[in-house]
Amino acid sequence: MVLFGPTATQTSRAIAYSTTTCALLEQADLPAGFEDPRTMAIAPLVGWSTTKPLDKVEYLRITEDDLATGLAVRRYDATGTFAKAFPITDSYYGTYVTALVHEPVADRLYMVTSNGRPTGCT
């Protein structure tokens, strides 16, 4: 389990815990803006380990594209350093993203969006 939040020094922090023992496994300081997990996913890379779950990963975030007309997936390394942006074709910059999920078996990224209205079953 990874928790995200802001720090007192204008940065963000990711803290990884074991889901079976609740033991602290690792923490990593990241640039400001990484505290909202709704628009972010963590993708493990070759060499990833359950004992050091924040090493050998990349962070994927949904942000506005560089033209401020649509959305983009931005890729960051394990330290939060920007690597590359991938514009999302036919997207709208005002789309409300409620979740971003990385599916590691097929290496797919799923974005869940909302029109801003509450949803539910009746």
PDB file of N, CA and C in Angstrom:
ATOM      1  N   MET A   1       0.846  -1.147   0.000  1.00  0.00           N
ATOM      2  CA  MET A   1       0.000   0.000   0.000  1.00  0.00           C
ATOM      3  C   MET A   1       0.906   1.229   0.000  1.00  0.00           C
ATOM      4  N   VAL A   2       0.571   2.196  -0.838  1.00  0.00           N
ATOM      5  CA  VAL A   2       1.349   3.431  -0.908  1.00  0.00           C
ATOM      6  C   VAL A   2       0.433   4.598  -0.593  1.00  0.00           C
ATOM      7  N   LEU A   3       0.845   5.430   0.339  1.00  0.00           N
ATOM      8  CA  LEU A   3       0.123   6.643   0.697  1.00  0.00           C
ATOM      9  C   LEU A   3       0.908   7.834   0.177  1.00  0.00           C
ATOM     10  N   PHE A   4       0.190   8.872  -0.256  1.00  0.00           N
ATOM     11  CA  PHE A   4       0.821  10.078  -0.777  1.00  0.00           C
ATOM     12  C   PHE A   4       0.332  11.274   0.021  1.00  0.00           C
ATOM     13  N   GLY A   5       1.184  12.292   0.148  1.00  0.00           N
ATOM     14  CA  GLY A   5       0.766  13.509   0.806  1.00  0.00           C
ATOM     15  C   GLY A   5       1.817  14.584   0.683  1.00  0.00           C
ATOM     16  N   PRO A   6       1.433  15.817   1.029  1.00  0.00           N
ATOM     17  CA  PRO A   6       2.393  16.922   0.990  1.00  0.00           C
ATOM     18  C   PRO A   6       3.293  16.895   2.221  1.00  0.00           C
ATOM     19  N   THR A   7       4.437  17.539   2.115  1.00  0.00           N
ATOM     20  CA  THR A   7       5.347  17.683   3.251  1.00  0.00           C
ATOM     21  C   THR A   7       5.400  19.155   3.643  1.00  0.00           C
ATOM     22  N   ALA A   8       6.045  19.451   4.746  1.00  0.00           N
ATOM     23  CA  ALA A   8       6.174  20.830   5.209  1.00  0.00           C
ATOM     24  C   ALA A   8       7.155  21.632   4.360  1.00  0.00           C
ATOM     25  N   THR A   9       7.924  20.961   3.502  1.00  0.00           N
ATOM     26  CA  THR A   9       8.945  21.641   2.704  1.00  0.00           C
ATOM     27  C   THR A   9       8.538  21.807   1.240  1.00  0.00           C
ATOM     28  N   GLN A  10       7.230  21.881   0.960  1.00  0.00           N
ATOM     29  CA  GLN A  10       6.730  22.114  -0.401  1.00  0.00           C
ATOM     30  C   GLN A  10       7.063  20.990  -1.362  1.00  0.00           C
ATOM     31  N   THR A  11       7.177  19.773  -0.857  1.00  0.00           N
ATOM     32  CA  THR A  11       7.378  18.605  -1.704  1.00  0.00           C
ATOM     33  C   THR A  11       6.267  17.609  -1.388  1.00  0.00           C
ATOM     34  N   SER A  12       6.291  16.485  -2.050  1.00  0.00           N
ATOM     35  CA  SER A  12       5.337  15.405  -1.783  1.00  0.00           C
ATOM     36  C   SER A  12       6.106  14.206  -1.260  1.00  0.00           C
ATOM     37  N   ARG A  13       5.401  13.321  -0.583  1.00  0.00           N
ATOM     38  CA  ARG A  13       6.056  12.119  -0.068  1.00  0.00           C
ATOM     39  C   ARG A  13       5.185  10.905  -0.349  1.00  0.00           C
ATOM     40  N   ALA A  14       5.828   9.836  -0.806  1.00  0.00           N
ATOM     41  CA  ALA A  14       5.172   8.544  -0.981  1.00  0.00           C
ATOM     42  C   ALA A  14       5.702   7.636   0.120  1.00  0.00           C
ATOM     43  N   ILE A  15       4.789   6.946   0.813  1.00  0.00           N
ATOM     44  CA  ILE A  15       5.178   6.053   1.899  1.00  0.00           C
ATOM     45  C   ILE A  15       4.556   4.694   1.622  1.00  0.00           C
ATOM     46  N   ALA A  16       5.400   3.657   1.529  1.00  0.00           N
ATOM     47  CA  ALA A  16       4.943   2.305   1.219  1.00  0.00           C
ATOM     48  C   ALA A  16       4.926   1.454   2.481  1.00  0.00           C
ATOM     49  N   TYR A  17       3.803   0.774   2.681  1.00  0.00           N
ATOM     50  CA  TYR A  17       3.624  -0.136   3.815  1.00  0.00           C
ATOM     51  C   TYR A  17       3.307  -1.534   3.304  1.00  0.00           C
ATOM     52  N   SER A  18       3.653  -2.548   4.081  1.00  0.00           N
ATOM     53  CA  SER A  18       3.274  -3.924   3.779  1.00  0.00           C
ATOM     54  C   SER A  18       1.791  -4.088   4.103  1.00  0.00           C
ATOM     55  N   THR A  19       1.042  -4.679   3.189  1.00  0.00           N
ATOM     56  CA  THR A  19      -0.388  -4.893   3.453  1.00  0.00           C
ATOM     57  C   THR A  19      -0.632  -6.091   4.363  1.00  0.00           C
ATOM     58  N   THR A  20       0.365  -6.924   4.571  1.00  0.00           N
ATOM     59  CA  THR A  20       0.178  -8.083   5.453  1.00  0.00           C
ATOM     60  C   THR A  20       0.643  -7.809   6.881  1.00  0.00           C
ATOM     61  N   THR A  21       1.686  -6.991   7.051  1.00  0.00           N
ATOM     62  CA  THR A  21       2.222  -6.736   8.394  1.00  0.00           C
ATOM     63  C   THR A  21       2.067  -5.288   8.845  1.00  0.00           C
ATOM     64  N   CYS A  22       1.686  -4.400   7.945  1.00  0.00           N
ATOM     65  CA  CYS A  22       1.584  -2.954   8.207  1.00  0.00           C
ATOM     66  C   CYS A  22       2.946  -2.312   8.479  1.00  0.00           C
ATOM     67  N   ALA A  23       4.033  -3.013   8.226  1.00  0.00           N
ATOM     68  CA  ALA A  23       5.376  -2.479   8.450  1.00  0.00           C
ATOM     69  C   ALA A  23       5.718  -1.440   7.387  1.00  0.00           C
ATOM     70  N   LEU A  24       6.407  -0.390   7.817  1.00  0.00           N
ATOM     71  CA  LEU A  24       6.910   0.610   6.881  1.00  0.00           C
ATOM     72  C   LEU A  24       7.993  -0.035   6.031  1.00  0.00           C
ATOM     73  N   LEU A  25       7.848   0.039   4.707  1.00  0.00           N
ATOM     74  CA  LEU A  25       8.830  -0.556   3.804  1.00  0.00           C
ATOM     75  C   LEU A  25       9.809   0.475   3.257  1.00  0.00           C
ATOM     76  N   GLU A  26       9.258   1.628   2.862  1.00  0.00           N
ATOM     77  CA  GLU A  26      10.116   2.619   2.204  1.00  0.00           C
ATOM     78  C   GLU A  26       9.337   3.913   2.062  1.00  0.00           C
ATOM     79  N   GLN A  27      10.061   5.006   1.990  1.00  0.00           N
ATOM     80  CA  GLN A  27       9.437   6.287   1.670  1.00  0.00           C
ATOM     81  C   GLN A  27      10.321   7.030   0.689  1.00  0.00           C
ATOM     82  N   ALA A  28       9.678   7.878  -0.109  1.00  0.00           N
ATOM     83  CA  ALA A  28      10.418   8.642  -1.117  1.00  0.00           C
ATOM     84  C   ALA A  28       9.847  10.044  -1.199  1.00  0.00           C
ATOM     85  N   ASP A  29      10.720  11.037  -1.217  1.00  0.00           N
ATOM     86  CA  ASP A  29      10.290  12.410  -1.426  1.00  0.00           C
ATOM     87  C   ASP A  29      10.260  12.685  -2.917  1.00  0.00           C
ATOM     88  N   LEU A  30       9.197  13.341  -3.345  1.00  0.00           N
ATOM     89  CA  LEU A  30       8.960  13.644  -4.753  1.00  0.00           C
ATOM     90  C   LEU A  30       8.673  15.131  -4.895  1.00  0.00           C
ATOM     91  N   PRO A  31       8.714  15.665  -6.106  1.00  0.00           N
ATOM     92  CA  PRO A  31       8.376  17.073  -6.289  1.00  0.00           C
ATOM     93  C   PRO A  31       6.923  17.361  -5.889  1.00  0.00           C
ATOM     94  N   ALA A  32       6.629  18.605  -5.606  1.00  0.00           N
ATOM     95  CA  ALA A  32       5.250  19.011  -5.311  1.00  0.00           C
ATOM     96  C   ALA A  32       4.356  18.619  -6.482  1.00  0.00           C
ATOM     97  N   GLY A  33       3.125  18.242  -6.180  1.00  0.00           N
ATOM     98  CA  GLY A  33       2.182  17.838  -7.208  1.00  0.00           C
ATOM     99  C   GLY A  33       1.948  16.341  -7.250  1.00  0.00           C
ATOM    100  N   PHE A  34       2.751  15.583  -6.531  1.00  0.00           N
ATOM    101  CA  PHE A  34       2.604  14.136  -6.514  1.00  0.00           C
ATOM    102  C   PHE A  34       1.738  13.658  -5.345  1.00  0.00           C
ATOM    103  N   GLU A  35       1.052  14.580  -4.673  1.00  0.00           N
ATOM    104  CA  GLU A  35       0.293  14.173  -3.503  1.00  0.00           C
ATOM    105  C   GLU A  35      -1.126  13.703  -3.803  1.00  0.00           C
ATOM    106  N   ASP A  36      -1.587  13.831  -5.033  1.00  0.00           N
ATOM    107  CA  ASP A  36      -2.950  13.411  -5.380  1.00  0.00           C
ATOM    108  C   ASP A  36      -2.917  12.093  -6.148  1.00  0.00           C
ATOM    109  N   PRO A  37      -3.215  10.979  -5.494  1.00  0.00           N
ATOM    110  CA  PRO A  37      -3.113   9.685  -6.165  1.00  0.00           C
ATOM    111  C   PRO A  37      -4.210   9.414  -7.192  1.00  0.00           C
ATOM    112  N   ARG A  38      -5.269  10.239  -7.226  1.00  0.00           N
ATOM    113  CA  ARG A  38      -6.336  10.006  -8.205  1.00  0.00           C
ATOM    114  C   ARG A  38      -5.827  10.095  -9.636  1.00  0.00           C
ATOM    115  N   THR A  39      -4.907  10.982  -9.881  1.00  0.00           N
ATOM    116  CA  THR A  39      -4.426  11.220 -11.243  1.00  0.00           C
ATOM    117  C   THR A  39      -3.059  10.609 -11.497  1.00  0.00           C
ATOM    118  N   MET A  40      -2.672   9.656 -10.639  1.00  0.00           N
ATOM    119  CA  MET A  40      -1.334   9.086 -10.745  1.00  0.00           C
ATOM    120  C   MET A  40      -1.380   7.570 -10.595  1.00  0.00           C
ATOM    121  N   ALA A  41      -0.467   6.898 -11.283  1.00  0.00           N
ATOM    122  CA  ALA A  41      -0.301   5.453 -11.140  1.00  0.00           C
ATOM    123  C   ALA A  41       1.190   5.160 -11.033  1.00  0.00           C
ATOM    124  N   ILE A  42       1.504   4.071 -10.346  1.00  0.00           N
ATOM    125  CA  ILE A  42       2.890   3.628 -10.226  1.00  0.00           C
ATOM    126  C   ILE A  42       3.046   2.369 -11.064  1.00  0.00           C
ATOM    127  N   ALA A  43       4.039   2.369 -11.947  1.00  0.00           N
ATOM    128  CA  ALA A  43       4.296   1.206 -12.796  1.00  0.00           C
ATOM    129  C   ALA A  43       5.647   0.609 -12.425  1.00  0.00           C
ATOM    130  N   PRO A  44       5.669  -0.663 -12.020  1.00  0.00           N
ATOM    131  CA  PRO A  44       6.951  -1.304 -11.690  1.00  0.00           C
ATOM    132  C   PRO A  44       7.771  -1.563 -12.943  1.00  0.00           C
ATOM    133  N   LEU A  45       9.075  -1.461 -12.805  1.00  0.00           N
ATOM    134  CA  LEU A  45      10.007  -1.707 -13.909  1.00  0.00           C
ATOM    135  C   LEU A  45      10.778  -3.001 -13.646  1.00  0.00           C
ATOM    136  N   VAL A  46      11.584  -3.400 -14.599  1.00  0.00           N
ATOM    137  CA  VAL A  46      12.420  -4.593 -14.445  1.00  0.00           C
ATOM    138  C   VAL A  46      13.283  -4.432 -13.195  1.00  0.00           C
ATOM    139  N   GLY A  47      13.324  -5.462 -12.372  1.00  0.00           N
ATOM    140  CA  GLY A  47      14.102  -5.423 -11.149  1.00  0.00           C
ATOM    141  C   GLY A  47      13.322  -4.949  -9.938  1.00  0.00           C
ATOM    142  N   TRP A  48      12.026  -4.664 -10.097  1.00  0.00           N
ATOM    143  CA  TRP A  48      11.193  -4.203  -8.985  1.00  0.00           C
ATOM    144  C   TRP A  48      11.159  -5.257  -7.890  1.00  0.00           C
ATOM    145  N   SER A  49      11.091  -4.821  -6.636  1.00  0.00           N
ATOM    146  CA  SER A  49      11.114  -5.732  -5.492  1.00  0.00           C
ATOM    147  C   SER A  49      10.053  -5.331  -4.473  1.00  0.00           C
ATOM    148  N   THR A  50       9.449  -6.318  -3.825  1.00  0.00           N
ATOM    149  CA  THR A  50       8.465  -6.026  -2.778  1.00  0.00           C
ATOM    150  C   THR A  50       9.114  -5.462  -1.523  1.00  0.00           C
ATOM    151  N   THR A  51      10.403  -5.642  -1.352  1.00  0.00           N
ATOM    152  CA  THR A  51      11.083  -5.098  -0.175  1.00  0.00           C
ATOM    153  C   THR A  51      11.459  -3.626  -0.350  1.00  0.00           C
ATOM    154  N   LYS A  52      11.601  -3.184  -1.577  1.00  0.00           N
ATOM    155  CA  LYS A  52      11.886  -1.778  -1.902  1.00  0.00           C
ATOM    156  C   LYS A  52      10.890  -1.338  -2.989  1.00  0.00           C
ATOM    157  N   PRO A  53       9.612  -1.218  -2.624  1.00  0.00           N
ATOM    158  CA  PRO A  53       8.573  -1.014  -3.636  1.00  0.00           C
ATOM    159  C   PRO A  53       8.577   0.347  -4.337  1.00  0.00           C
ATOM    160  N   LEU A  54       9.332   1.312  -3.847  1.00  0.00           N
ATOM    161  CA  LEU A  54       9.384   2.618  -4.508  1.00  0.00           C
ATOM    162  C   LEU A  54      10.643   2.792  -5.351  1.00  0.00           C
ATOM    163  N   ASP A  55      11.492   1.765  -5.387  1.00  0.00           N
ATOM    164  CA  ASP A  55      12.649   1.743  -6.286  1.00  0.00           C
ATOM    165  C   ASP A  55      12.226   1.040  -7.572  1.00  0.00           C
ATOM    166  N   LYS A  56      12.876   1.322  -8.639  1.00  0.00           N
ATOM    167  CA  LYS A  56      12.617   0.658  -9.929  1.00  0.00           C
ATOM    168  C   LYS A  56      11.146   0.766 -10.325  1.00  0.00           C
ATOM    169  N   VAL A  57      10.630   1.990 -10.249  1.00  0.00           N
ATOM    170  CA  VAL A  57       9.264   2.281 -10.685  1.00  0.00           C
ATOM    171  C   VAL A  57       9.290   3.540 -11.553  1.00  0.00           C
ATOM    172  N   GLU A  58       8.193   3.756 -12.237  1.00  0.00           N
ATOM    173  CA  GLU A  58       7.978   5.043 -12.872  1.00  0.00           C
ATOM    174  C   GLU A  58       6.583   5.495 -12.479  1.00  0.00           C
ATOM    175  N   TYR A  59       6.417   6.799 -12.398  1.00  0.00           N
ATOM    176  CA  TYR A  59       5.127   7.385 -12.057  1.00  0.00           C
ATOM    177  C   TYR A  59       4.484   7.890 -13.333  1.00  0.00           C
ATOM    178  N   LEU A  60       3.213   7.627 -13.478  1.00  0.00           N
ATOM    179  CA  LEU A  60       2.430   8.091 -14.620  1.00  0.00           C
ATOM    180  C   LEU A  60       1.359   9.020 -14.080  1.00  0.00           C
ATOM    181  N   ARG A  61       1.257  10.210 -14.662  1.00  0.00           N
ATOM    182  CA  ARG A  61       0.285  11.201 -14.190  1.00  0.00           C
ATOM    183  C   ARG A  61      -0.524  11.729 -15.352  1.00  0.00           C
ATOM    184  N   ILE A  62      -1.795  12.019 -15.079  1.00  0.00           N
ATOM    185  CA  ILE A  62      -2.644  12.696 -16.050  1.00  0.00           C
ATOM    186  C   ILE A  62      -2.573  14.186 -15.751  1.00  0.00           C
ATOM    187  N   THR A  63      -2.232  14.969 -16.765  1.00  0.00           N
ATOM    188  CA  THR A  63      -2.142  16.422 -16.636  1.00  0.00           C
ATOM    189  C   THR A  63      -2.737  17.055 -17.885  1.00  0.00           C
ATOM    190  N   GLU A  64      -2.807  18.370 -17.892  1.00  0.00           N
ATOM    191  CA  GLU A  64      -3.166  19.061 -19.134  1.00  0.00           C
ATOM    192  C   GLU A  64      -2.049  18.838 -20.136  1.00  0.00           C
ATOM    193  N   ASP A  65      -2.424  18.802 -21.411  1.00  0.00           N
ATOM    194  CA  ASP A  65      -1.383  18.696 -22.437  1.00  0.00           C
ATOM    195  C   ASP A  65      -0.649  20.028 -22.556  1.00  0.00           C
ATOM    196  N   ASP A  66       0.377  20.080 -23.363  1.00  0.00           N
ATOM    197  CA  ASP A  66       1.188  21.293 -23.481  1.00  0.00           C
ATOM    198  C   ASP A  66       0.452  22.449 -24.151  1.00  0.00           C
ATOM    199  N   LEU A  67      -0.691  22.178 -24.792  1.00  0.00           N
ATOM    200  CA  LEU A  67      -1.469  23.227 -25.448  1.00  0.00           C
ATOM    201  C   LEU A  67      -2.627  23.714 -24.589  1.00  0.00           C
ATOM    202  N   ALA A  68      -2.843  23.078 -23.424  1.00  0.00           N
ATOM    203  CA  ALA A  68      -3.961  23.389 -22.529  1.00  0.00           C
ATOM    204  C   ALA A  68      -5.303  23.228 -23.229  1.00  0.00           C
ATOM    205  N   THR A  69      -5.379  22.263 -24.142  1.00  0.00           N
ATOM    206  CA  THR A  69      -6.650  21.970 -24.813  1.00  0.00           C
ATOM    207  C   THR A  69      -7.144  20.571 -24.484  1.00  0.00           C
ATOM    208  N   GLY A  70      -6.246  19.695 -24.109  1.00  0.00           N
ATOM    209  CA  GLY A  70      -6.607  18.317 -23.813  1.00  0.00           C
ATOM    210  C   GLY A  70      -5.785  17.789 -22.644  1.00  0.00           C
ATOM    211  N   LEU A  71      -5.767  16.472 -22.508  1.00  0.00           N
ATOM    212  CA  LEU A  71      -5.019  15.827 -21.435  1.00  0.00           C
ATOM    213  C   LEU A  71      -3.821  15.072 -21.996  1.00  0.00           C
ATOM    214  N   ALA A  72      -2.888  14.773 -21.118  1.00  0.00           N
ATOM    215  CA  ALA A  72      -1.708  14.004 -21.500  1.00  0.00           C
ATOM    216  C   ALA A  72      -1.335  13.069 -20.359  1.00  0.00           C
ATOM    217  N   VAL A  73      -0.694  11.967 -20.705  1.00  0.00           N
ATOM    218  CA  VAL A  73      -0.063  11.108 -19.716  1.00  0.00           C
ATOM    219  C   VAL A  73       1.389  11.551 -19.658  1.00  0.00           C
ATOM    220  N   ARG A  74       1.851  11.888 -18.464  1.00  0.00           N
ATOM    221  CA  ARG A  74       3.248  12.275 -18.292  1.00  0.00           C
ATOM    222  C   ARG A  74       3.957  11.184 -17.506  1.00  0.00           C
ATOM    223  N   ARG A  75       5.118  10.833 -17.986  1.00  0.00           N
ATOM    224  CA  ARG A  75       5.920   9.775 -17.360  1.00  0.00           C
ATOM    225  C   ARG A  75       7.070  10.416 -16.586  1.00  0.00           C
ATOM    226  N   TYR A  76       7.295   9.928 -15.350  1.00  0.00           N
ATOM    227  CA  TYR A  76       8.352  10.412 -14.469  1.00  0.00           C
ATOM    228  C   TYR A  76       9.137   9.215 -13.956  1.00  0.00           C
ATOM    229  N   ASP A  77      10.410   9.413 -13.674  1.00  0.00           N
ATOM    230  CA  ASP A  77      11.205   8.325 -13.114  1.00  0.00           C
ATOM    231  C   ASP A  77      10.925   8.189 -11.616  1.00  0.00           C
ATOM    232  N   ALA A  78      11.645   7.307 -10.931  1.00  0.00           N
ATOM    233  CA  ALA A  78      11.401   7.021  -9.514  1.00  0.00           C
ATOM    234  C   ALA A  78      11.670   8.217  -8.609  1.00  0.00           C
ATOM    235  N   THR A  79      12.418   9.213  -9.084  1.00  0.00           N
ATOM    236  CA  THR A  79      12.678  10.407  -8.278  1.00  0.00           C
ATOM    237  C   THR A  79      11.693  11.528  -8.566  1.00  0.00           C
ATOM    238  N   GLY A  80      10.792  11.304  -9.533  1.00  0.00           N
ATOM    239  CA  GLY A  80       9.825  12.324  -9.906  1.00  0.00           C
ATOM    240  C   GLY A  80      10.314  13.250 -11.000  1.00  0.00           C
ATOM    241  N   THR A  81      11.409  12.885 -11.652  1.00  0.00           N
ATOM    242  CA  THR A  81      11.942  13.693 -12.745  1.00  0.00           C
ATOM    243  C   THR A  81      11.166  13.388 -14.020  1.00  0.00           C
ATOM    244  N   PHE A  82      10.681  14.438 -14.673  1.00  0.00           N
ATOM    245  CA  PHE A  82       9.890  14.297 -15.893  1.00  0.00           C
ATOM    246  C   PHE A  82      10.699  13.612 -16.986  1.00  0.00           C
ATOM    247  N   ALA A  83      10.061  12.668 -17.701  1.00  0.00           N
ATOM    248  CA  ALA A  83      10.727  11.964 -18.797  1.00  0.00           C
ATOM    249  C   ALA A  83      10.074  12.253 -20.141  1.00  0.00           C
ATOM    250  N   LYS A  84       8.744  12.111 -20.240  1.00  0.00           N
ATOM    251  CA  LYS A  84       8.096  12.271 -21.534  1.00  0.00           C
ATOM    252  C   LYS A  84       6.594  12.459 -21.350  1.00  0.00           C
ATOM    253  N   ALA A  85       5.973  13.167 -22.295  1.00  0.00           N
ATOM    254  CA  ALA A  85       4.518  13.367 -22.291  1.00  0.00           C
ATOM    255  C   ALA A  85       3.908  12.688 -23.503  1.00  0.00           C
ATOM    256  N   PHE A  86       2.726  12.127 -23.292  1.00  0.00           N
ATOM    257  CA  PHE A  86       1.977  11.460 -24.349  1.00  0.00           C
ATOM    258  C   PHE A  86       0.582  12.068 -24.406  1.00  0.00           C
ATOM    259  N   PRO A  87       0.291  12.945 -25.384  1.00  0.00           N
ATOM    260  CA  PRO A  87      -1.040  13.544 -25.472  1.00  0.00           C
ATOM    261  C   PRO A  87      -2.122  12.478 -25.665  1.00  0.00           C
ATOM    262  N   ILE A  88      -3.271  12.698 -25.052  1.00  0.00           N
ATOM    263  CA  ILE A  88      -4.417  11.806 -25.199  1.00  0.00           C
ATOM    264  C   ILE A  88      -5.308  12.395 -26.282  1.00  0.00           C
ATOM    265  N   THR A  89      -5.370  11.726 -27.418  1.00  0.00           N
ATOM    266  CA  THR A  89      -6.111  12.212 -28.575  1.00  0.00           C
ATOM    267  C   THR A  89      -7.583  12.425 -28.231  1.00  0.00           C
ATOM    268  N   ASP A  90      -8.154  13.519 -28.729  1.00  0.00           N
ATOM    269  CA  ASP A  90      -9.572  13.860 -28.557  1.00  0.00           C
ATOM    270  C   ASP A  90      -9.987  13.997 -27.097  1.00  0.00           C
ATOM    271  N   SER A  91      -9.065  14.377 -26.226  1.00  0.00           N
ATOM    272  CA  SER A  91      -9.418  14.602 -24.829  1.00  0.00           C
ATOM    273  C   SER A  91      -9.706  16.083 -24.602  1.00  0.00           C
ATOM    274  N   TYR A  92     -10.299  16.393 -23.470  1.00  0.00           N
ATOM    275  CA  TYR A  92     -10.639  17.762 -23.096  1.00  0.00           C
ATOM    276  C   TYR A  92      -9.935  18.090 -21.786  1.00  0.00           C
ATOM    277  N   TYR A  93      -9.265  19.228 -21.708  1.00  0.00           N
ATOM    278  CA  TYR A  93      -8.458  19.559 -20.544  1.00  0.00           C
ATOM    279  C   TYR A  93      -9.270  19.667 -19.251  1.00  0.00           C
ATOM    280  N   GLY A  94     -10.568  19.921 -19.352  1.00  0.00           N
ATOM    281  CA  GLY A  94     -11.406  20.077 -18.170  1.00  0.00           C
ATOM    282  C   GLY A  94     -11.999  18.775 -17.662  1.00  0.00           C
ATOM    283  N   THR A  95     -11.640  17.654 -18.262  1.00  0.00           N
ATOM    284  CA  THR A  95     -12.175  16.366 -17.830  1.00  0.00           C
ATOM    285  C   THR A  95     -11.719  16.081 -16.400  1.00  0.00           C
ATOM    286  N   TYR A  96     -12.658  15.659 -15.561  1.00  0.00           N
ATOM    287  CA  TYR A  96     -12.356  15.354 -14.170  1.00  0.00           C
ATOM    288  C   TYR A  96     -11.926  13.895 -14.064  1.00  0.00           C
ATOM    289  N   VAL A  97     -10.656  13.670 -13.747  1.00  0.00           N
ATOM    290  CA  VAL A  97     -10.107  12.315 -13.633  1.00  0.00           C
ATOM    291  C   VAL A  97     -10.304  11.849 -12.193  1.00  0.00           C
ATOM    292  N   THR A  98     -10.977  10.714 -12.021  1.00  0.00           N
ATOM    293  CA  THR A  98     -11.223  10.189 -10.673  1.00  0.00           C
ATOM    294  C   THR A  98     -10.258   9.067 -10.302  1.00  0.00           C
ATOM    295  N   ALA A  99      -9.630   8.447 -11.287  1.00  0.00           N
ATOM    296  CA  ALA A  99      -8.663   7.383 -10.982  1.00  0.00           C
ATOM    297  C   ALA A  99      -7.807   7.099 -12.211  1.00  0.00           C
ATOM    298  N   LEU A 100      -6.594   6.677 -11.944  1.00  0.00           N
ATOM    299  CA  LEU A 100      -5.680   6.209 -12.976  1.00  0.00           C
ATOM    300  C   LEU A 100      -5.122   4.884 -12.470  1.00  0.00           C
ATOM    301  N   VAL A 101      -5.267   3.840 -13.269  1.00  0.00           N
ATOM    302  CA  VAL A 101      -4.883   2.500 -12.832  1.00  0.00           C
ATOM    303  C   VAL A 101      -3.940   1.879 -13.853  1.00  0.00           C
ATOM    304  N   HIS A 102      -2.822   1.372 -13.372  1.00  0.00           N
ATOM    305  CA  HIS A 102      -1.890   0.639 -14.227  1.00  0.00           C
ATOM    306  C   HIS A 102      -2.144  -0.843 -14.032  1.00  0.00           C
ATOM    307  N   GLU A 103      -2.390  -1.554 -15.107  1.00  0.00           N
ATOM    308  CA  GLU A 103      -2.595  -3.005 -15.073  1.00  0.00           C
ATOM    309  C   GLU A 103      -1.298  -3.631 -15.575  1.00  0.00           C
ATOM    310  N   PRO A 104      -0.503  -4.262 -14.677  1.00  0.00           N
ATOM    311  CA  PRO A 104       0.850  -4.679 -15.036  1.00  0.00           C
ATOM    312  C   PRO A 104       0.962  -5.905 -15.932  1.00  0.00           C
ATOM    313  N   VAL A 105      -0.014  -6.798 -15.935  1.00  0.00           N
ATOM    314  CA  VAL A 105       0.108  -8.022 -16.727  1.00  0.00           C
ATOM    315  C   VAL A 105       0.151  -7.697 -18.218  1.00  0.00           C
ATOM    316  N   ALA A 106      -0.783  -6.887 -18.678  1.00  0.00           N
ATOM    317  CA  ALA A 106      -0.807  -6.482 -20.085  1.00  0.00           C
ATOM    318  C   ALA A 106      -0.169  -5.111 -20.290  1.00  0.00           C
ATOM    319  N   ASP A 107       0.345  -4.498 -19.200  1.00  0.00           N
ATOM    320  CA  ASP A 107       0.970  -3.175 -19.243  1.00  0.00           C
ATOM    321  C   ASP A 107       0.038  -2.151 -19.886  1.00  0.00           C
ATOM    322  N   ARG A 108      -1.164  -2.044 -19.312  1.00  0.00           N
ATOM    323  CA  ARG A 108      -2.162  -1.089 -19.810  1.00  0.00           C
ATOM    324  C   ARG A 108      -2.456  -0.050 -18.744  1.00  0.00           C
ATOM    325  N   LEU A 109      -2.874   1.106 -19.198  1.00  0.00           N
ATOM    326  CA  LEU A 109      -3.226   2.204 -18.319  1.00  0.00           C
ATOM    327  C   LEU A 109      -4.693   2.533 -18.529  1.00  0.00           C
ATOM    328  N   TYR A 110      -5.452   2.575 -17.448  1.00  0.00           N
ATOM    329  CA  TYR A 110      -6.875   2.891 -17.513  1.00  0.00           C
ATOM    330  C   TYR A 110      -7.135   4.190 -16.774  1.00  0.00           C
ATOM    331  N   MET A 111      -7.892   5.087 -17.401  1.00  0.00           N
ATOM    332  CA  MET A 111      -8.255   6.362 -16.809  1.00  0.00           C
ATOM    333  C   MET A 111      -9.756   6.364 -16.584  1.00  0.00           C
ATOM    334  N   VAL A 112     -10.168   6.626 -15.352  1.00  0.00           N
ATOM    335  CA  VAL A 112     -11.587   6.720 -15.018  1.00  0.00           C
ATOM    336  C   VAL A 112     -11.921   8.198 -14.908  1.00  0.00           C
ATOM    337  N   THR A 113     -12.957   8.624 -15.624  1.00  0.00           N
ATOM    338  CA  THR A 113     -13.330  10.036 -15.625  1.00  0.00           C
ATOM    339  C   THR A 113     -14.765  10.217 -15.140  1.00  0.00           C
ATOM    340  N   SER A 114     -15.094  11.432 -14.801  1.00  0.00           N
ATOM    341  CA  SER A 114     -16.435  11.781 -14.349  1.00  0.00           C
ATOM    342  C   SER A 114     -16.806  13.121 -14.964  1.00  0.00           C
ATOM    343  N   ASN A 115     -18.088  13.344 -15.107  1.00  0.00           N
ATOM    344  CA  ASN A 115     -18.529  14.649 -15.605  1.00  0.00           C
ATOM    345  C   ASN A 115     -18.692  15.631 -14.451  1.00  0.00           C
ATOM    346  N   GLY A 116     -18.256  15.240 -13.256  1.00  0.00           N
ATOM    347  CA  GLY A 116     -18.319  16.123 -12.109  1.00  0.00           C
ATOM    348  C   GLY A 116     -19.563  15.945 -11.274  1.00  0.00           C
ATOM    349  N   ARG A 117     -20.519  15.162 -11.754  1.00  0.00           N
ATOM    350  CA  ARG A 117     -21.733  14.912 -10.995  1.00  0.00           C
ATOM    351  C   ARG A 117     -21.587  13.629 -10.185  1.00  0.00           C
ATOM    352  N   PRO A 118     -22.236  13.573  -9.031  1.00  0.00           N
ATOM    353  CA  PRO A 118     -22.196  12.323  -8.262  1.00  0.00           C
ATOM    354  C   PRO A 118     -22.794  11.182  -9.078  1.00  0.00           C
ATOM    355  N   THR A 119     -22.224  10.006  -8.943  1.00  0.00           N
ATOM    356  CA  THR A 119     -22.744   8.842  -9.619  1.00  0.00           C
ATOM    357  C   THR A 119     -23.119   7.788  -8.601  1.00  0.00           C
ATOM    358  N   GLY A 120     -23.977   6.885  -8.965  1.00  0.00           N
ATOM    359  CA  GLY A 120     -24.373   5.832  -8.048  1.00  0.00           C
ATOM    360  C   GLY A 120     -25.494   5.001  -8.641  1.00  0.00           C
ATOM    361  N   CYS A 121     -25.892   4.005  -7.911  1.00  0.00           N
ATOM    362  CA  CYS A 121     -26.955   3.116  -8.356  1.00  0.00           C
ATOM    363  C   CYS A 121     -28.275   3.555  -7.720  1.00  0.00           C
ATOM    364  N   THR A 122     -29.345   3.318  -8.443  1.00  0.00           N
ATOM    365  CA  THR A 122     -30.660   3.614  -7.874  1.00  0.00           C
ATOM    366  C   THR A 122     -31.507   2.365  -7.828  1.00  0.00           C
TER     367      THR A 122
END
